[in-house]
Protein backbone atom coordinates (compact mmCIF):
# COMPACT_ATOMS: atom_id res chain seq x y z
CA MET A 1 0.07 -0.03 0.03
CA GLU A 2 1.50 3.19 -0.94
CA CYS A 3 0.71 5.97 1.27
CA LYS A 4 1.18 9.93 1.33
CA LYS A 5 2.92 10.91 4.37
CA ASP A 6 2.73 14.58 6.06
CA ASN A 7 6.45 14.95 7.48
CA VAL A 8 5.25 17.97 9.52
CA SER A 9 2.30 16.57 11.16
CA GLY A 10 3.57 12.81 11.49
CA LEU A 11 0.35 11.77 9.99
CA ARG A 12 0.05 9.84 6.77
CA LYS A 13 -3.10 8.81 4.39
CA GLY A 14 -3.46 5.63 3.16
CA THR A 15 -4.95 4.46 -0.32
CA ASP A 16 -7.99 3.61 1.63
CA GLY A 17 -8.35 7.32 2.56
CA ILE A 18 -7.75 7.06 6.04
CA VAL A 19 -5.65 9.35 7.72
CA ARG A 20 -3.36 7.36 10.41
CA CYS A 21 -0.19 8.06 12.89
CA ALA A 22 2.69 8.05 10.12
CA TRP A 23 4.66 4.91 12.03
CA SER A 24 1.72 2.43 10.91
CA GLY A 25 3.57 2.23 7.51
CA ASP A 26 2.61 0.13 4.58
CA SER A 27 2.22 -3.31 6.24
CA GLU A 28 -1.57 -4.60 6.59
CA CYS A 29 -0.07 -6.09 9.88
CA TYR A 30 1.06 -3.08 11.31
CA ILE A 31 -1.93 -0.87 9.70
CA ARG A 32 -4.16 -3.59 11.57
CA TYR A 33 -2.25 -3.39 14.98
CA HIS A 34 -2.60 0.51 14.73
CA ASP A 35 -6.46 0.67 14.09
CA LEU A 36 -7.51 -2.27 16.42
CA GLU A 37 -5.07 -2.50 19.43
CA TRP A 38 -2.73 0.16 20.11
CA GLY A 39 -3.72 2.55 22.75
CA ARG A 40 -7.03 0.80 23.43
CA PRO A 41 -6.99 -0.38 27.22
CA VAL A 42 -6.29 -3.55 28.31
CA ALA A 43 -7.34 -5.38 31.52
CA SER A 44 -6.09 -8.88 30.66
CA ASP A 45 -3.17 -10.23 32.85
CA HIS A 46 -1.97 -12.20 30.15
CA ARG A 47 -1.91 -9.50 27.40
CA LEU A 48 -0.21 -7.08 29.49
CA PHE A 49 2.52 -9.73 30.73
CA GLU A 50 2.92 -10.52 26.90
CA LYS A 51 3.26 -7.04 25.98
CA LEU A 52 5.80 -6.56 28.58
CA ALA A 53 7.66 -9.59 27.50
CA LEU A 54 7.54 -8.70 23.79
CA GLU A 55 8.66 -5.10 24.47
CA GLY A 56 11.75 -6.58 25.95
CA PHE A 57 12.52 -8.86 22.92
CA GLN A 58 12.08 -5.81 20.73
CA ALA A 59 15.15 -4.18 22.22
CA GLY A 60 17.36 -3.57 19.13
CA LEU A 61 14.66 -4.49 16.76
CA SER A 62 11.84 -2.90 15.22
CA TRP A 63 7.87 -3.69 16.56
CA LEU A 64 6.88 -5.00 13.27
CA THR A 65 9.61 -7.79 13.31
CA ILE A 66 8.13 -8.81 16.56
CA LEU A 67 4.69 -8.28 15.59
CA LYS A 68 4.94 -10.82 12.73
CA LYS A 69 6.29 -13.24 15.20
CA ARG A 70 3.67 -12.80 17.82
CA GLU A 71 1.88 -15.79 17.36
CA ALA A 72 5.01 -18.24 17.18
CA PHE A 73 6.03 -16.03 20.46
CA ARG A 74 2.31 -17.02 22.06
CA GLU A 75 2.55 -20.76 21.16
CA ALA A 76 6.58 -21.05 22.44
CA PHE A 77 5.67 -19.17 25.79
CA ALA A 78 2.34 -20.97 26.59
CA GLY A 79 0.34 -17.94 26.02
CA PHE A 80 2.33 -15.92 28.29
CA ASP A 81 0.33 -17.60 31.24
CA PRO A 82 2.84 -16.96 34.28
CA GLU A 83 1.54 -20.03 35.93
CA LYS A 84 2.81 -21.96 33.17
CA LEU A 85 5.87 -20.07 32.40
CA ILE A 86 7.15 -20.72 36.03
CA HIS A 87 7.76 -24.38 35.69
CA TYR A 88 10.03 -23.56 32.44
CA GLY A 89 13.77 -24.70 33.10
CA GLU A 90 16.82 -25.31 31.08
CA ARG A 91 15.21 -27.73 28.89
CA GLU A 92 12.40 -25.32 27.70
CA VAL A 93 15.26 -22.84 27.54
CA ALA A 94 17.05 -24.96 25.12
CA LEU A 95 14.12 -25.63 22.81
CA LEU A 96 13.29 -21.85 22.78
CA LEU A 97 16.71 -21.08 21.81
CA GLY A 98 16.50 -23.40 18.68
CA ASN A 99 13.06 -22.17 17.76
CA PRO A 100 13.64 -19.98 14.44
CA ALA A 101 10.20 -18.42 14.66
CA ILE A 102 11.08 -16.23 17.88
CA VAL A 103 13.85 -13.82 18.84
CA ARG A 104 16.51 -16.46 20.13
CA HIS A 105 18.23 -14.47 22.58
CA ARG A 106 19.00 -16.41 25.76
CA GLY A 107 18.89 -13.03 28.02
CA LYS A 108 15.56 -12.31 26.83
CA ILE A 109 13.96 -15.65 27.19
CA GLU A 110 15.37 -16.13 30.59
CA ALA A 111 14.23 -12.69 31.68
CA THR A 112 10.59 -13.35 30.24
CA ILE A 113 10.47 -16.75 32.37
CA HIS A 114 11.94 -14.86 35.29
CA ASN A 115 9.10 -12.09 35.04
CA ALA A 116 6.67 -15.00 35.25
CA GLY A 117 7.40 -15.29 38.97
CA ARG A 118 7.47 -11.50 39.47
CA VAL A 119 4.19 -11.15 37.83
CA LEU A 120 2.64 -13.92 40.12
CA GLU A 121 3.97 -11.90 43.12
CA VAL A 122 2.44 -8.66 41.88
CA VAL A 123 -0.88 -10.83 41.54
CA GLU A 124 -0.46 -11.94 45.11
CA ARG A 125 0.04 -8.52 46.54
CA PHE A 126 -2.68 -6.62 44.22
CA GLY A 127 -5.20 -8.99 43.21
CA SER A 128 -4.11 -8.86 39.56
CA PHE A 129 -1.26 -7.77 37.34
CA ALA A 130 -3.66 -5.19 35.55
CA ALA A 131 -4.67 -3.29 38.89
CA TYR A 132 -1.01 -2.78 39.32
CA VAL A 133 -0.07 -1.75 36.01
CA TRP A 134 -2.95 0.68 36.01
CA GLU A 135 -1.93 2.57 39.18
CA PHE A 136 0.58 4.01 36.92
CA GLU A 137 -2.03 5.69 34.67
CA PRO A 138 -0.28 8.97 34.28
CA ALA A 139 -1.77 12.47 34.86
CA CYS A 140 -3.04 14.54 31.83
CA GLY A 141 -0.07 16.08 29.62
CA PRO A 142 2.99 14.68 28.08
CA ASP A 143 4.95 15.44 31.26
CA GLY A 144 2.74 13.39 33.41
CA ALA A 145 3.17 10.30 31.18
CA VAL A 146 6.96 10.77 30.94
CA ASP A 147 7.14 10.89 34.87
CA SER A 148 4.64 8.13 35.23
CA SER A 149 6.86 5.63 32.74
CA LEU A 150 9.90 6.47 34.74
CA ARG A 151 8.16 5.38 38.31
CA PHE A 152 6.91 2.40 36.55
CA ALA A 153 10.12 1.12 35.12
CA LYS A 154 11.69 1.96 38.75
CA ASP A 155 9.07 -0.08 40.27
CA LEU A 156 9.36 -2.80 38.02
CA LYS A 157 12.83 -3.06 38.78
CA ARG A 158 12.55 -2.83 42.32
CA ARG A 159 10.33 -5.78 42.15
CA GLY A 160 13.02 -7.90 40.31
CA PHE A 161 11.65 -7.78 36.43
CA ARG A 162 14.24 -7.71 34.09
CA PHE A 163 14.37 -5.70 30.58
CA VAL A 164 12.04 -3.05 31.89
CA GLY A 165 13.78 0.17 31.20
CA PRO A 166 12.14 3.56 30.86
CA THR A 167 11.75 3.28 27.21
CA THR A 168 10.32 -0.02 27.54
CA ALA A 169 7.50 1.27 30.00
CA TYR A 170 6.54 4.07 27.96
CA ALA A 171 6.13 2.14 25.03
CA PHE A 172 4.30 -0.36 27.20
CA MET A 173 1.78 2.47 28.53
CA GLN A 174 1.26 3.51 24.75
CA ALA A 175 0.07 0.17 23.62
CA MET A 176 -1.90 -0.65 26.54
CA GLY A 177 -3.86 2.45 26.72
CA LEU A 178 -2.77 4.32 29.82
CA VAL A 179 -1.59 6.78 27.42
CA ASN A 180 -3.37 7.92 24.25
CA ASP A 181 -0.53 9.03 21.98
CA HIS A 182 -2.35 9.04 18.49
CA LEU A 183 -1.88 12.22 16.94
CA GLU A 184 -4.57 14.81 16.34
CA GLY A 185 -6.10 13.90 12.91
CA CYS A 186 -5.34 10.59 13.43
CA ALA A 187 -8.60 8.31 12.63
CA SER A 188 -8.23 6.22 15.52
CA LYS A 189 -7.62 8.90 18.02
CA GLU A 190 -11.18 9.61 19.06
CA ASP A 191 -11.99 5.84 18.56
CA VAL A 192 -9.25 5.26 21.55
CA VAL A 193 -10.64 8.50 23.60
CA GLN A 194 -14.20 6.51 23.46
CA ALA A 195 -12.73 3.15 24.37
CA ARG A 196 -11.15 4.60 27.38
CA LEU A 197 -14.16 6.60 28.51
CA GLY A 198 -16.05 3.23 28.73
CA PHE A 199 -13.08 1.37 30.64
CA GLN A 200 -12.86 0.99 34.16
CA PRO A 201 -9.30 0.35 35.29
CA PRO A 202 -9.05 -2.72 37.74
CA LYS A 203 -8.57 -1.65 41.49
CA ARG A 204 -5.85 -3.26 43.40
CA ARG A 205 -7.34 -5.87 46.22
CA ARG A 206 -7.59 -4.65 49.93
CA PRO A 207 -4.82 -6.36 51.34
CA SER A 208 -5.65 -8.66 54.37
CA PRO A 209 -4.33 -7.34 57.97
CA GLU A 210 -1.47 -9.75 58.23
CA ALA A 211 -0.23 -8.79 54.59
CA PRO A 212 3.14 -6.92 54.85
CA ARG A 213 3.01 -2.97 54.16
CA GLU A 214 3.89 -1.97 50.74
CA PRO A 215 7.71 -1.06 50.87
């Protein structure tokens, strides 16, 4: 698909007549992701963990590369179910390193398995991974979003997560609906606004009296 790009506004108009954020490019896969997923609020623990893991795998690569491999990642990593992933050991790591359908990077593979355990710890404390994630929903404005992503990345690291720097945290927040960064003039901007208006962020479970205080 050939598209007309407006280098000033960051928008581009496709041959279908729809104006989108320019990063959506020419790939049908990328366009679907832009139109149907990016920026729409997510409350599924599995999807949130999946995105956090795939953002880690993206480091040094393009998101389109990861997106094209997403189904293979889902199959290889048990649908990003942390209850299953915590049982992965050296045998499973070896199989993943031999799987040409995913990104074969030992550090990223081991970090994903390790992070599954951290997700379950968060679930134990907050009631769900989603409840924890949505506590970092930023205040309005770009400065609030950046500050929130820095706090999110710092807290993830404090909890033992790996491959979760500020860039990863911000990209995660954009994709999962904590931030609506569709540009003004993009056809999806208002759709995402409306999706967010109808979304109730999950709340953390009230801790029991014997639960340790949050540090």
